Amino acid sequence: MAAKKDYLKEVIEHIDIKKYNVVPLVDAMENMAFTARDLNRAARIYDMMLRDKNCGIILTLAGSLFSAGLKKVVYDMIMNN
């Protein structure tokens, strides 16, 4: 049976979303299908929320996002709200 140390060999690197401009990519997803279209819609809704100064934003997440390498993305979202 494999031990814990056998699974914990690779370090998960967290992405710095500020290094990339994903806007054109997410915009292009508007006319795609399934989750790509959903991601575009979510981005447009989030943009509207950020522009509305009277909007209260509640962020709910799965804890696994942090261990999957998205900790910095979530941090930047909160700090730039």
N, C-alpha and C. Protein backbone atom coordinates (compact mmCIF):
# COMPACT_ATOMS: atom_id res chain seq x y z
N MET A 1 0.85 -1.19 0.00
CA MET A 1 0.00 0.00 0.00
C MET A 1 0.89 1.24 0.00
N ALA A 2 0.52 2.21 -0.82
CA ALA A 2 1.30 3.44 -0.93
C ALA A 2 1.14 4.30 0.32
N ALA A 3 2.22 4.95 0.70
CA ALA A 3 2.21 5.84 1.86
C ALA A 3 1.93 7.27 1.42
N LYS A 4 1.61 8.12 2.38
CA LYS A 4 1.31 9.54 2.13
C LYS A 4 2.45 10.21 1.37
N LYS A 5 3.68 9.92 1.75
CA LYS A 5 4.85 10.54 1.12
C LYS A 5 4.96 10.18 -0.36
N ASP A 6 4.38 9.05 -0.77
CA ASP A 6 4.40 8.65 -2.17
C ASP A 6 3.50 9.53 -3.04
N TYR A 7 2.49 10.12 -2.43
CA TYR A 7 1.55 10.96 -3.17
C TYR A 7 1.91 12.44 -3.13
N LEU A 8 2.65 12.86 -2.13
CA LEU A 8 2.93 14.28 -1.93
C LEU A 8 4.33 14.65 -2.42
N LYS A 9 4.62 14.32 -3.65
CA LYS A 9 5.94 14.58 -4.21
C LYS A 9 5.99 15.87 -5.02
N GLU A 10 4.91 16.22 -5.68
CA GLU A 10 4.90 17.39 -6.56
C GLU A 10 4.27 18.59 -5.86
N VAL A 11 4.95 19.73 -5.96
CA VAL A 11 4.44 20.96 -5.37
C VAL A 11 3.44 21.59 -6.34
N ILE A 12 2.29 21.98 -5.82
CA ILE A 12 1.28 22.66 -6.63
C ILE A 12 1.66 24.13 -6.73
N GLU A 13 1.76 24.64 -7.95
CA GLU A 13 2.09 26.05 -8.15
C GLU A 13 0.81 26.83 -8.37
N HIS A 14 0.72 27.98 -7.72
CA HIS A 14 -0.46 28.82 -7.84
C HIS A 14 -0.26 29.83 -8.97
N ILE A 15 -1.26 29.97 -9.81
CA ILE A 15 -1.18 30.84 -10.98
C ILE A 15 -1.35 32.30 -10.58
N ASP A 16 -0.58 33.17 -11.21
CA ASP A 16 -0.73 34.62 -11.01
C ASP A 16 -1.55 35.14 -12.18
N ILE A 17 -2.85 35.29 -11.97
CA ILE A 17 -3.78 35.66 -13.04
C ILE A 17 -3.48 37.03 -13.62
N LYS A 18 -2.79 37.88 -12.86
CA LYS A 18 -2.47 39.22 -13.35
C LYS A 18 -1.42 39.21 -14.46
N LYS A 19 -0.75 38.08 -14.66
CA LYS A 19 0.25 37.97 -15.72
C LYS A 19 -0.38 37.71 -17.08
N TYR A 20 -1.68 37.43 -17.12
CA TYR A 20 -2.34 37.04 -18.36
C TYR A 20 -3.52 37.95 -18.65
N ASN A 21 -3.84 38.10 -19.92
CA ASN A 21 -5.06 38.80 -20.32
C ASN A 21 -5.99 37.77 -20.93
N VAL A 22 -6.91 37.28 -20.12
CA VAL A 22 -7.83 36.24 -20.58
C VAL A 22 -9.12 36.81 -21.15
N VAL A 23 -9.25 38.13 -21.14
CA VAL A 23 -10.50 38.76 -21.60
C VAL A 23 -10.85 38.34 -23.02
N PRO A 24 -9.94 38.41 -24.00
CA PRO A 24 -10.32 37.99 -25.36
C PRO A 24 -10.76 36.52 -25.42
N LEU A 25 -10.11 35.68 -24.65
CA LEU A 25 -10.47 34.26 -24.63
C LEU A 25 -11.87 34.06 -24.06
N VAL A 26 -12.15 34.69 -22.92
CA VAL A 26 -13.47 34.55 -22.30
C VAL A 26 -14.54 35.18 -23.18
N ASP A 27 -14.24 36.31 -23.82
CA ASP A 27 -15.19 36.93 -24.75
C ASP A 27 -15.52 35.99 -25.91
N ALA A 28 -14.53 35.29 -26.42
CA ALA A 28 -14.74 34.36 -27.53
C ALA A 28 -15.63 33.18 -27.13
N MET A 29 -15.70 32.88 -25.86
CA MET A 29 -16.49 31.75 -25.38
C MET A 29 -17.99 32.02 -25.40
N GLU A 30 -18.38 33.26 -25.67
CA GLU A 30 -19.80 33.62 -25.69
C GLU A 30 -20.60 32.77 -26.67
N ASN A 31 -20.02 32.43 -27.79
CA ASN A 31 -20.73 31.68 -28.83
C ASN A 31 -20.37 30.20 -28.85
N MET A 32 -19.71 29.73 -27.80
CA MET A 32 -19.38 28.31 -27.71
C MET A 32 -20.50 27.59 -26.96
N ALA A 33 -20.31 26.34 -26.70
CA ALA A 33 -21.35 25.54 -26.05
C ALA A 33 -20.96 25.20 -24.62
N PHE A 34 -21.97 24.74 -23.89
CA PHE A 34 -21.83 24.17 -22.56
C PHE A 34 -21.11 25.10 -21.58
N THR A 35 -20.09 24.59 -20.92
CA THR A 35 -19.45 25.33 -19.84
C THR A 35 -18.68 26.54 -20.34
N ALA A 36 -18.21 26.53 -21.57
CA ALA A 36 -17.52 27.70 -22.11
C ALA A 36 -18.48 28.89 -22.14
N ARG A 37 -19.70 28.67 -22.61
CA ARG A 37 -20.70 29.73 -22.65
C ARG A 37 -21.06 30.16 -21.23
N ASP A 38 -21.16 29.20 -20.33
CA ASP A 38 -21.47 29.52 -18.93
C ASP A 38 -20.38 30.39 -18.31
N LEU A 39 -19.12 30.10 -18.63
CA LEU A 39 -18.01 30.89 -18.10
C LEU A 39 -18.10 32.33 -18.61
N ASN A 40 -18.43 32.50 -19.88
CA ASN A 40 -18.58 33.84 -20.44
C ASN A 40 -19.70 34.59 -19.73
N ARG A 41 -20.82 33.92 -19.52
CA ARG A 41 -21.95 34.57 -18.84
C ARG A 41 -21.58 34.95 -17.41
N ALA A 42 -20.89 34.06 -16.71
CA ALA A 42 -20.46 34.35 -15.34
C ALA A 42 -19.52 35.55 -15.31
N ALA A 43 -18.62 35.64 -16.28
CA ALA A 43 -17.69 36.77 -16.34
C ALA A 43 -18.44 38.07 -16.58
N ARG A 44 -19.46 38.05 -17.46
CA ARG A 44 -20.24 39.26 -17.72
C ARG A 44 -21.03 39.68 -16.48
N ILE A 45 -21.60 38.72 -15.77
CA ILE A 45 -22.34 39.02 -14.54
C ILE A 45 -21.40 39.60 -13.49
N TYR A 46 -20.23 38.99 -13.33
CA TYR A 46 -19.26 39.48 -12.35
C TYR A 46 -18.82 40.90 -12.70
N ASP A 47 -18.62 41.18 -13.98
CA ASP A 47 -18.24 42.53 -14.41
C ASP A 47 -19.35 43.53 -14.06
N MET A 48 -20.61 43.16 -14.29
CA MET A 48 -21.72 44.05 -13.93
C MET A 48 -21.76 44.29 -12.42
N MET A 49 -21.49 43.25 -11.65
CA MET A 49 -21.49 43.38 -10.19
C MET A 49 -20.40 44.34 -9.73
N LEU A 50 -19.23 44.25 -10.33
CA LEU A 50 -18.13 45.13 -9.94
C LEU A 50 -18.41 46.59 -10.30
N ARG A 51 -19.15 46.81 -11.38
CA ARG A 51 -19.47 48.18 -11.80
C ARG A 51 -20.57 48.80 -10.95
N ASP A 52 -21.41 47.99 -10.35
CA ASP A 52 -22.53 48.48 -9.53
C ASP A 52 -22.03 48.73 -8.11
N LYS A 53 -21.89 49.99 -7.74
CA LYS A 53 -21.34 50.35 -6.42
C LYS A 53 -22.26 49.95 -5.27
N ASN A 54 -23.53 49.69 -5.55
CA ASN A 54 -24.48 49.29 -4.51
C ASN A 54 -24.67 47.78 -4.43
N CYS A 55 -23.89 47.06 -5.18
CA CYS A 55 -24.05 45.61 -5.23
C CYS A 55 -23.25 44.95 -4.11
N GLY A 56 -23.89 44.07 -3.38
CA GLY A 56 -23.19 43.27 -2.38
C GLY A 56 -22.79 41.94 -3.02
N ILE A 57 -21.56 41.55 -2.85
CA ILE A 57 -21.07 40.32 -3.47
C ILE A 57 -20.76 39.30 -2.39
N ILE A 58 -21.33 38.11 -2.55
CA ILE A 58 -21.05 37.00 -1.65
C ILE A 58 -20.34 35.94 -2.48
N LEU A 59 -19.16 35.58 -2.07
CA LEU A 59 -18.35 34.62 -2.82
C LEU A 59 -18.37 33.28 -2.09
N THR A 60 -18.83 32.24 -2.75
CA THR A 60 -18.81 30.90 -2.18
C THR A 60 -17.93 30.02 -3.06
N LEU A 61 -17.11 29.22 -2.45
CA LEU A 61 -16.13 28.41 -3.18
C LEU A 61 -16.03 27.02 -2.59
N ALA A 62 -15.54 26.13 -3.40
CA ALA A 62 -15.15 24.82 -2.90
C ALA A 62 -13.73 24.95 -2.35
N GLY A 63 -13.48 24.38 -1.21
CA GLY A 63 -12.15 24.45 -0.61
C GLY A 63 -11.07 23.85 -1.47
N SER A 64 -11.45 22.94 -2.35
CA SER A 64 -10.45 22.27 -3.19
C SER A 64 -9.81 23.22 -4.20
N LEU A 65 -10.42 24.38 -4.45
CA LEU A 65 -9.82 25.34 -5.38
C LEU A 65 -8.45 25.80 -4.89
N PHE A 66 -8.31 25.93 -3.58
CA PHE A 66 -7.05 26.42 -3.02
C PHE A 66 -5.94 25.39 -3.20
N SER A 67 -6.23 24.15 -2.93
CA SER A 67 -5.20 23.12 -3.08
C SER A 67 -4.94 22.78 -4.54
N ALA A 68 -5.83 23.21 -5.44
CA ALA A 68 -5.66 22.94 -6.87
C ALA A 68 -4.83 24.00 -7.57
N GLY A 69 -4.39 25.03 -6.84
CA GLY A 69 -3.52 26.04 -7.44
C GLY A 69 -4.20 27.36 -7.74
N LEU A 70 -5.40 27.57 -7.22
CA LEU A 70 -6.12 28.81 -7.51
C LEU A 70 -6.18 29.76 -6.33
N LYS A 71 -5.36 29.53 -5.32
CA LYS A 71 -5.37 30.39 -4.13
C LYS A 71 -5.12 31.85 -4.49
N LYS A 72 -4.13 32.11 -5.32
CA LYS A 72 -3.78 33.48 -5.68
C LYS A 72 -4.88 34.14 -6.52
N VAL A 73 -5.54 33.38 -7.36
CA VAL A 73 -6.65 33.92 -8.16
C VAL A 73 -7.76 34.41 -7.25
N VAL A 74 -8.13 33.60 -6.27
CA VAL A 74 -9.19 33.99 -5.32
C VAL A 74 -8.74 35.20 -4.52
N TYR A 75 -7.51 35.20 -4.06
CA TYR A 75 -6.97 36.34 -3.30
C TYR A 75 -7.06 37.62 -4.12
N ASP A 76 -6.63 37.56 -5.38
CA ASP A 76 -6.67 38.74 -6.24
C ASP A 76 -8.10 39.19 -6.51
N MET A 77 -9.03 38.25 -6.66
CA MET A 77 -10.43 38.62 -6.86
C MET A 77 -10.95 39.41 -5.67
N ILE A 78 -10.62 38.96 -4.48
CA ILE A 78 -11.10 39.64 -3.27
C ILE A 78 -10.42 40.99 -3.11
N MET A 79 -9.13 41.06 -3.31
CA MET A 79 -8.40 42.31 -3.11
C MET A 79 -8.75 43.37 -4.15
N ASN A 80 -9.18 42.96 -5.33
CA ASN A 80 -9.50 43.91 -6.40
C ASN A 80 -10.98 44.19 -6.54
N ASN A 81 -11.76 43.78 -5.57
CA ASN A 81 -13.20 44.03 -5.63
C ASN A 81 -13.47 45.46 -5.25
